[in-house]
C-alpha cells in the first residue's frame, strides 16, 4: 500500500511538471496571435510583422474654399487613385519597434469639356487622360513605449518617421498641359513625430493619437512646361480618437474620428505664391478579423467636412502576418 501511495504521488508530480512545460511551449505562439486590442502597443522583442496595405479612392468631389462639397474644380473631371504599401515592423526590444514602408501608387485622371462653335452651330467634346504609377517615397520610423500599460494607467508611446524622396518627382511623357504622366513621389524630405495613449478595459480599447509632420524644402517641376521650382509644403498636424470593441475572440470593431490640418505652403516663383490652408474631419469605421497570426483589416475613411481638400470616401484594406 505504501508503494502504491508513493507511486501515485510521483505520478501526480510528473503530470504537474509536464503541464507546466507544455504551457511554456504554448505561450510564445499564443502571444503572436493576440489581436489589435489585446497586444502591446509595440511588438515584443524578436517579433516581425509584415504585410500589405491598400487604399482605393474615386476622386470627383472636394470641399471648396468655403467648406462646401462641390465637384472637383467645378469641371467634368474625375480620377481614381490606388495606393499600396509593403510594410514591416520589427521588435528590437519589448518596448522599441522599428518599421519601414515601401509605397506604390497608381493614379488616373480624366478631364472633359465641350467647346461650342456658335457660328457653325457645332460643338466638340475634348477629353484628356493623365495617369501615373510607380514607387513613391520610402518611409522609415521607430516607436518607443515610454509608459507601460497597467490596470490603473494607460500606455504612452512616442515615435518618429522619416520620408525619403525616392519616387519620381517630375511629370513625364508630356503631351499637353493636361495630358501627361503624374509623378509618384513628392520630391522632398519629411520628418514626423507622434504620441500615442492607449487604455484597454477588455473587451474595449480607448486610444488618443497625435501626429506632426514637418516638410523640408524641395525642388521639382510642378506643372508641364515649367522649369524646376523650389517649394515648401505646409506642415501637417493630425489628432485621432479611437474606440474599439471585441465582438468575439478574433473580431474587433474599430471606430475612429480624426482632424487633419495642413498649414500654408509656399511656391518660390519670382513672386512667392502661398498655397491655402487645408483641413478636414473624417470618420473611419473598420473591422479587424484574425485567424491565428494572420490579420485582415478593412475600413472606409469618410470625410465629414473640410476645406480645400478632396471629399470622396476611401476604402482601405490590410493583410498582416506575425512571424
Protein backbone atom coordinates (compact mmCIF):
# COMPACT_ATOMS: atom_id res chain seq x y z
CA UNK A 1 0.00 0.00 0.00
CA UNK A 2 2.87 2.31 0.88
CA UNK A 3 4.50 1.68 -2.53
CA UNK A 4 1.19 2.40 -4.31
CA UNK A 5 0.80 5.71 -2.45
CA UNK A 6 4.34 6.78 -3.35
CA UNK A 7 3.71 5.84 -6.99
CA UNK A 8 0.51 7.93 -7.10
CA UNK A 9 2.25 10.96 -5.59
CA UNK A 10 5.15 10.70 -8.06
CA UNK A 11 2.68 10.35 -10.94
CA UNK A 12 0.78 13.50 -9.90
CA UNK A 13 4.03 15.48 -9.60
CA UNK A 14 5.05 14.27 -13.07
CA UNK A 15 1.72 15.41 -14.54
CA UNK A 16 2.04 18.83 -12.94
CA UNK A 17 5.59 19.24 -14.23
CA UNK A 18 4.61 18.14 -17.74
CA UNK A 19 1.67 20.52 -17.72
CA UNK A 20 3.99 23.38 -16.80
CA UNK A 21 6.35 22.50 -19.63
CA UNK A 22 3.52 22.37 -22.19
CA UNK A 23 2.25 25.76 -21.03
CA UNK A 24 5.68 27.28 -21.56
CA UNK A 25 5.76 25.91 -25.12
CA UNK A 26 2.29 27.22 -25.99
CA UNK A 27 2.54 30.75 -24.60
CA UNK A 28 5.07 32.17 -27.14
CA UNK A 29 2.85 31.13 -30.02
CA UNK A 30 -0.26 32.49 -28.32
CA UNK A 31 1.41 35.86 -27.86
CA UNK A 32 1.86 36.19 -31.62
CA UNK A 33 -1.87 35.54 -32.07
CA UNK A 34 -3.03 38.48 -29.95
CA UNK A 35 -5.42 40.94 -31.60
CA UNK A 36 -5.21 44.71 -32.09
CA UNK A 37 -6.91 45.15 -28.70
CA UNK A 38 -5.03 42.62 -26.56
CA UNK A 39 -1.49 43.02 -27.97
CA UNK A 40 1.04 45.56 -26.61
CA UNK A 41 1.38 48.87 -28.44
CA UNK A 42 4.86 47.87 -29.69
CA UNK A 43 5.99 44.47 -30.94
CA UNK A 44 7.75 42.19 -28.49
CA UNK A 45 11.47 41.57 -28.85
CA UNK A 46 12.34 39.47 -31.89
CA UNK A 47 8.82 39.56 -33.38
CA UNK A 48 8.43 40.53 -37.05
CA UNK A 49 5.18 41.64 -38.67
CA UNK A 50 4.91 42.08 -42.43
CA UNK A 51 2.00 42.84 -44.68
CA UNK A 52 0.44 44.89 -47.42
CA UNK A 53 -1.86 47.89 -47.07
CA UNK A 54 -4.08 49.14 -49.88
CA UNK A 55 -6.29 52.19 -50.36
CA UNK A 56 -8.73 52.93 -53.19
CA UNK A 57 -10.40 56.27 -53.91
CA UNK A 58 -12.53 57.70 -56.73
CA UNK A 59 -11.96 61.45 -56.99
CA UNK A 60 -14.69 63.76 -58.31
CA UNK A 61 -15.70 65.97 -55.37
CA UNK A 62 -13.92 68.28 -52.99
CA UNK A 63 -14.55 70.69 -50.12
CA UNK A 64 -14.03 74.13 -51.65
CA UNK A 65 -12.61 77.27 -50.01
CA UNK A 66 -15.99 77.86 -48.36
CA UNK A 67 -16.19 74.34 -46.95
CA UNK A 68 -18.94 73.27 -49.37
CA UNK A 69 -18.85 69.87 -51.09
CA UNK A 70 -18.66 70.50 -54.86
CA UNK A 71 -17.49 68.69 -57.94
CA UNK A 72 -13.74 68.88 -58.41
CA UNK A 73 -12.71 72.30 -59.75
CA UNK A 74 -16.32 72.74 -60.92
CA UNK A 75 -15.49 70.85 -64.12
CA UNK A 76 -16.31 67.48 -65.60
CA UNK A 77 -13.21 65.94 -64.11
CA UNK A 78 -12.76 62.74 -62.18
CA UNK A 79 -10.00 60.41 -61.21
CA UNK A 80 -9.09 57.24 -59.39
CA UNK A 81 -6.13 56.52 -57.19
CA UNK A 82 -4.87 53.20 -55.85
CA UNK A 83 -2.16 53.13 -53.22
CA UNK A 84 -0.29 50.11 -51.90
CA UNK A 85 2.29 49.79 -49.13
CA UNK A 86 4.56 46.90 -48.26
CA UNK A 87 5.18 47.34 -44.53
CA UNK A 88 7.41 45.60 -41.98
CA UNK A 89 7.73 46.16 -38.23
CA UNK A 90 10.35 44.55 -36.00
CA UNK A 91 10.56 44.47 -32.21
CA UNK A 92 14.14 45.40 -31.33
CA UNK A 93 13.21 45.16 -27.64
CA UNK A 94 9.87 44.69 -25.87
CA UNK A 95 9.42 48.47 -25.92
CA UNK A 96 11.29 49.59 -29.05
CA UNK A 97 9.96 48.94 -32.55
CA UNK A 98 11.42 49.72 -35.98
CA UNK A 99 9.38 49.98 -39.18
CA UNK A 100 9.78 50.50 -42.91
CA UNK A 101 7.11 51.10 -45.58
CA UNK A 102 7.52 50.96 -49.37
CA UNK A 103 4.56 52.62 -51.14
CA UNK A 104 3.43 52.13 -54.74
CA UNK A 105 0.88 54.46 -56.36
CA UNK A 106 -1.20 54.16 -59.49
CA UNK A 107 -3.44 57.06 -60.50
CA UNK A 108 -5.54 58.19 -63.45
CA UNK A 109 -7.45 61.42 -64.11
CA UNK A 110 -9.84 62.32 -66.91
CA UNK A 111 -10.76 65.87 -67.95
CA UNK A 112 -13.51 66.50 -70.48
CA UNK A 113 -15.11 69.71 -71.66
CA UNK A 114 -17.24 70.86 -74.58
CA UNK A 115 -16.29 73.67 -76.99
CA UNK A 116 -19.23 75.37 -78.72
CA UNK A 117 -18.93 76.99 -82.15
CA UNK A 118 -21.94 79.33 -82.27
CA UNK A 119 -21.22 80.47 -85.84
CA UNK A 120 -21.39 76.95 -87.32
CA UNK A 121 -23.85 75.57 -84.75
CA UNK A 122 -21.38 72.88 -83.75
CA UNK A 123 -19.82 71.70 -80.53
CA UNK A 124 -16.86 69.46 -79.87
CA UNK A 125 -16.15 67.26 -76.87
CA UNK A 126 -12.48 67.25 -75.92
CA UNK A 127 -11.09 64.78 -73.39
CA UNK A 128 -7.67 64.43 -71.80
CA UNK A 129 -6.47 61.49 -69.79
CA UNK A 130 -3.50 61.72 -67.45
CA UNK A 131 -2.08 58.83 -65.49
CA UNK A 132 0.89 57.86 -63.43
CA UNK A 133 2.27 54.96 -61.44
CA UNK A 134 5.42 53.94 -59.68
CA UNK A 135 7.17 53.56 -56.35
CA UNK A 136 6.54 56.56 -54.12
CA UNK A 137 8.64 57.94 -51.26
CA UNK A 138 10.18 55.46 -48.79
CA UNK A 139 9.08 55.76 -45.15
CA UNK A 140 11.06 54.57 -42.12
CA UNK A 141 10.33 55.01 -38.44
CA UNK A 142 10.71 53.91 -34.83
CA UNK A 143 8.40 53.77 -31.80
CA UNK A 144 9.30 53.59 -28.13
CA UNK A 145 6.94 52.68 -25.27
CA UNK A 146 7.60 55.32 -22.60
CA UNK A 147 4.98 54.14 -20.10
CA UNK A 148 3.76 50.54 -19.97
CA UNK A 149 0.04 50.00 -19.57
CA UNK A 150 -1.30 48.71 -16.24
CA UNK A 151 -4.78 48.23 -14.79
CA UNK A 152 -4.61 51.78 -13.42
CA UNK A 153 -2.86 53.77 -16.17
CA UNK A 154 -2.71 53.92 -19.97
CA UNK A 155 0.36 53.24 -22.05
CA UNK A 156 2.25 56.09 -23.68
CA UNK A 157 4.26 55.64 -26.86
CA UNK A 158 6.38 58.14 -28.79
CA UNK A 159 7.68 57.70 -32.31
CA UNK A 160 9.23 59.41 -35.30
CA UNK A 161 9.12 58.87 -39.05
CA UNK A 162 11.34 59.99 -41.90
CA UNK A 163 10.18 60.11 -45.52
CA UNK A 164 12.86 59.97 -48.21
CA UNK A 165 12.17 61.32 -51.77
CA UNK A 166 12.80 58.03 -53.60
CA UNK A 167 9.86 58.31 -56.02
CA UNK A 168 9.93 60.09 -59.38
CA UNK A 169 9.09 63.75 -58.67
CA UNK A 170 8.66 65.33 -62.12
CA UNK A 171 5.91 64.80 -64.75
CA UNK A 172 6.92 62.75 -67.76
CA UNK A 173 5.60 61.71 -71.19
CA UNK A 174 4.12 65.20 -71.57
CA UNK A 175 1.62 65.60 -74.43
CA UNK A 176 -0.13 68.75 -73.23
CA UNK A 177 -0.77 70.76 -70.08
CA UNK A 178 -3.48 68.27 -69.11
CA UNK A 179 -2.22 65.04 -70.63
CA UNK A 180 0.95 63.62 -69.09
CA UNK A 181 2.19 61.02 -66.60
CA UNK A 182 1.92 62.13 -62.97
CA UNK A 183 4.93 61.64 -60.67
CA UNK A 184 4.52 59.15 -57.82
CA UNK A 185 6.81 61.00 -55.38
CA UNK A 186 6.54 64.35 -53.61
CA UNK A 187 10.15 65.37 -54.08
CA UNK A 188 11.00 66.44 -50.52
CA UNK A 189 12.14 65.05 -47.17
CA UNK A 190 9.62 64.91 -44.33
CA UNK A 191 10.16 64.38 -40.60
CA UNK A 192 7.29 63.39 -38.32
CA UNK A 193 6.78 62.85 -34.60
CA UNK A 194 3.83 61.18 -32.90
CA UNK A 195 2.46 60.40 -29.43
CA UNK A 196 0.03 57.61 -28.61
CA UNK A 197 -2.05 56.99 -25.46
CA UNK A 198 -3.96 53.69 -25.10
CA UNK A 199 -6.06 52.14 -22.35
CA UNK A 200 -7.57 48.66 -22.63
CA UNK A 201 -10.57 47.74 -20.49
CA UNK A 202 -11.33 44.41 -22.09
CA UNK A 203 -13.27 43.99 -24.35
CA UNK A 204 -12.93 47.74 -25.01
CA UNK A 205 -9.96 49.84 -26.06
CA UNK A 206 -9.59 53.65 -25.96
CA UNK A 207 -6.85 55.42 -27.87
CA UNK A 208 -5.73 59.01 -28.48
CA UNK A 209 -3.04 59.74 -31.06
CA UNK A 210 -1.41 62.95 -32.29
CA UNK A 211 0.99 63.42 -35.19
CA UNK A 212 3.03 66.36 -36.51
CA UNK A 213 4.98 66.29 -39.76
CA UNK A 214 7.47 68.90 -40.95
CA UNK A 215 8.23 69.18 -44.67
CA UNK A 216 11.61 70.41 -45.84
CA UNK A 217 12.01 72.48 -48.98
CA UNK A 218 12.11 70.66 -52.28
CA UNK A 219 12.72 71.45 -55.93
CA UNK A 220 10.83 69.94 -58.84
CA UNK A 221 8.75 70.66 -61.96
CA UNK A 222 5.30 71.43 -60.62
CA UNK A 223 3.42 71.69 -63.92
CA UNK A 224 4.28 70.65 -67.51
CA UNK A 225 6.11 73.38 -69.43
CA UNK A 226 7.62 74.97 -66.32
CA UNK A 227 11.21 74.77 -65.13
CA UNK A 228 12.18 73.32 -61.76
CA UNK A 229 10.78 75.38 -58.92
CA UNK A 230 11.59 75.47 -55.22
CA UNK A 231 8.63 74.82 -52.94
CA UNK A 232 7.78 74.29 -49.27
CA UNK A 233 4.65 72.31 -48.37
CA UNK A 234 2.66 73.38 -45.32
CA UNK A 235 3.32 71.29 -42.22
CA UNK A 236 0.71 68.75 -41.17
CA UNK A 237 -0.96 68.21 -37.79
CA UNK A 238 -3.27 65.29 -37.07
CA UNK A 239 -5.16 64.15 -33.95
CA UNK A 240 -7.25 60.96 -33.69
CA UNK A 241 -9.60 59.49 -31.10
CA UNK A 242 -10.38 55.78 -31.28
CA UNK A 243 -12.86 53.45 -29.62
CA UNK A 244 -12.61 49.71 -30.36
CA UNK A 245 -14.54 46.70 -29.11
CA UNK A 246 -14.03 42.95 -29.36
CA UNK A 247 -17.09 41.29 -30.88
CA UNK A 248 -15.53 37.89 -30.08
CA UNK A 249 -12.03 36.43 -29.60
CA UNK A 250 -10.92 37.22 -33.18
CA UNK A 251 -13.11 40.03 -34.50
CA UNK A 252 -12.73 43.66 -33.38
CA UNK A 253 -14.75 46.69 -34.47
CA UNK A 254 -12.73 49.89 -34.87
CA UNK A 255 -14.21 53.43 -34.72
CA UNK A 256 -12.03 56.49 -35.20
CA UNK A 257 -12.63 60.23 -35.64
CA UNK A 258 -9.74 62.42 -36.79
CA UNK A 259 -8.91 66.05 -37.52
CA UNK A 260 -6.13 66.82 -40.02
CA UNK A 261 -4.74 70.22 -40.96
CA UNK A 262 -2.11 71.35 -43.47
CA UNK A 263 -0.66 74.82 -42.94
CA UNK A 264 0.01 77.31 -45.74
CA UNK A 265 2.69 76.30 -48.22
CA UNK A 266 4.93 78.38 -50.47
CA UNK A 267 5.90 78.05 -54.13
CA UNK A 268 9.00 80.13 -54.81
CA UNK A 269 8.39 81.62 -58.24
CA UNK A 270 9.83 85.10 -58.97
CA UNK A 271 6.97 86.19 -56.77
CA UNK A 272 6.19 83.77 -53.96
CA UNK A 273 2.79 82.06 -54.22
CA UNK A 274 1.09 80.99 -50.99
CA UNK A 275 -0.96 77.80 -51.11
CA UNK A 276 -4.07 77.83 -48.88
CA UNK A 277 -4.64 76.06 -45.59
CA UNK A 278 -6.28 72.62 -45.94
CA UNK A 279 -8.16 70.76 -43.22
CA UNK A 280 -10.80 68.10 -42.79
CA UNK A 281 -12.61 65.91 -40.25
CA UNK A 282 -13.34 62.30 -41.08
CA UNK A 283 -14.82 59.17 -39.56
CA UNK A 284 -13.20 55.76 -40.02
CA UNK A 285 -15.21 52.62 -39.18
CA UNK A 286 -13.16 49.46 -39.69
CA UNK A 287 -13.19 45.74 -38.96
CA UNK A 288 -10.25 43.59 -37.86
CA UNK A 289 -10.58 39.85 -38.39
CA UNK A 290 -7.84 37.50 -37.24
CA UNK A 291 -7.04 33.81 -37.85
CA UNK A 292 -4.14 32.84 -35.61
CA UNK A 293 -1.24 35.05 -36.78
CA UNK A 294 -2.97 36.30 -39.94
CA UNK A 295 -4.80 39.60 -39.57
CA UNK A 296 -7.24 41.17 -42.04
CA UNK A 297 -8.22 44.83 -41.73
CA UNK A 298 -10.74 46.70 -43.82
CA UNK A 299 -12.49 50.01 -43.41
CA UNK A 300 -13.83 53.16 -45.03
CA UNK A 301 -12.48 56.68 -44.47
CA UNK A 302 -15.48 59.04 -44.70
CA UNK A 303 -14.83 62.82 -44.95
CA UNK A 304 -17.46 64.70 -42.92
CA UNK A 305 -16.44 68.30 -43.64
CA UNK A 306 -13.33 70.27 -44.52
CA UNK A 307 -11.77 72.94 -46.71
CA UNK A 308 -9.65 72.81 -49.91
CA UNK A 309 -9.45 69.02 -49.77
CA UNK A 310 -10.95 66.02 -51.66
CA UNK A 311 -14.32 64.94 -50.27
CA UNK A 312 -14.62 61.36 -51.53
CA UNK A 313 -14.56 58.28 -49.26
CA UNK A 314 -11.55 55.98 -49.28
CA UNK A 315 -11.74 52.19 -48.98
CA UNK A 316 -8.75 50.67 -47.15
CA UNK A 317 -7.63 47.07 -46.79
CA UNK A 318 -4.74 45.42 -45.00
CA UNK A 319 -3.28 41.94 -44.59
CA UNK A 320 -0.58 41.18 -42.00
CA UNK A 321 1.29 38.18 -40.63
CA UNK A 322 3.32 38.00 -37.40
CA UNK A 323 6.46 35.85 -37.52
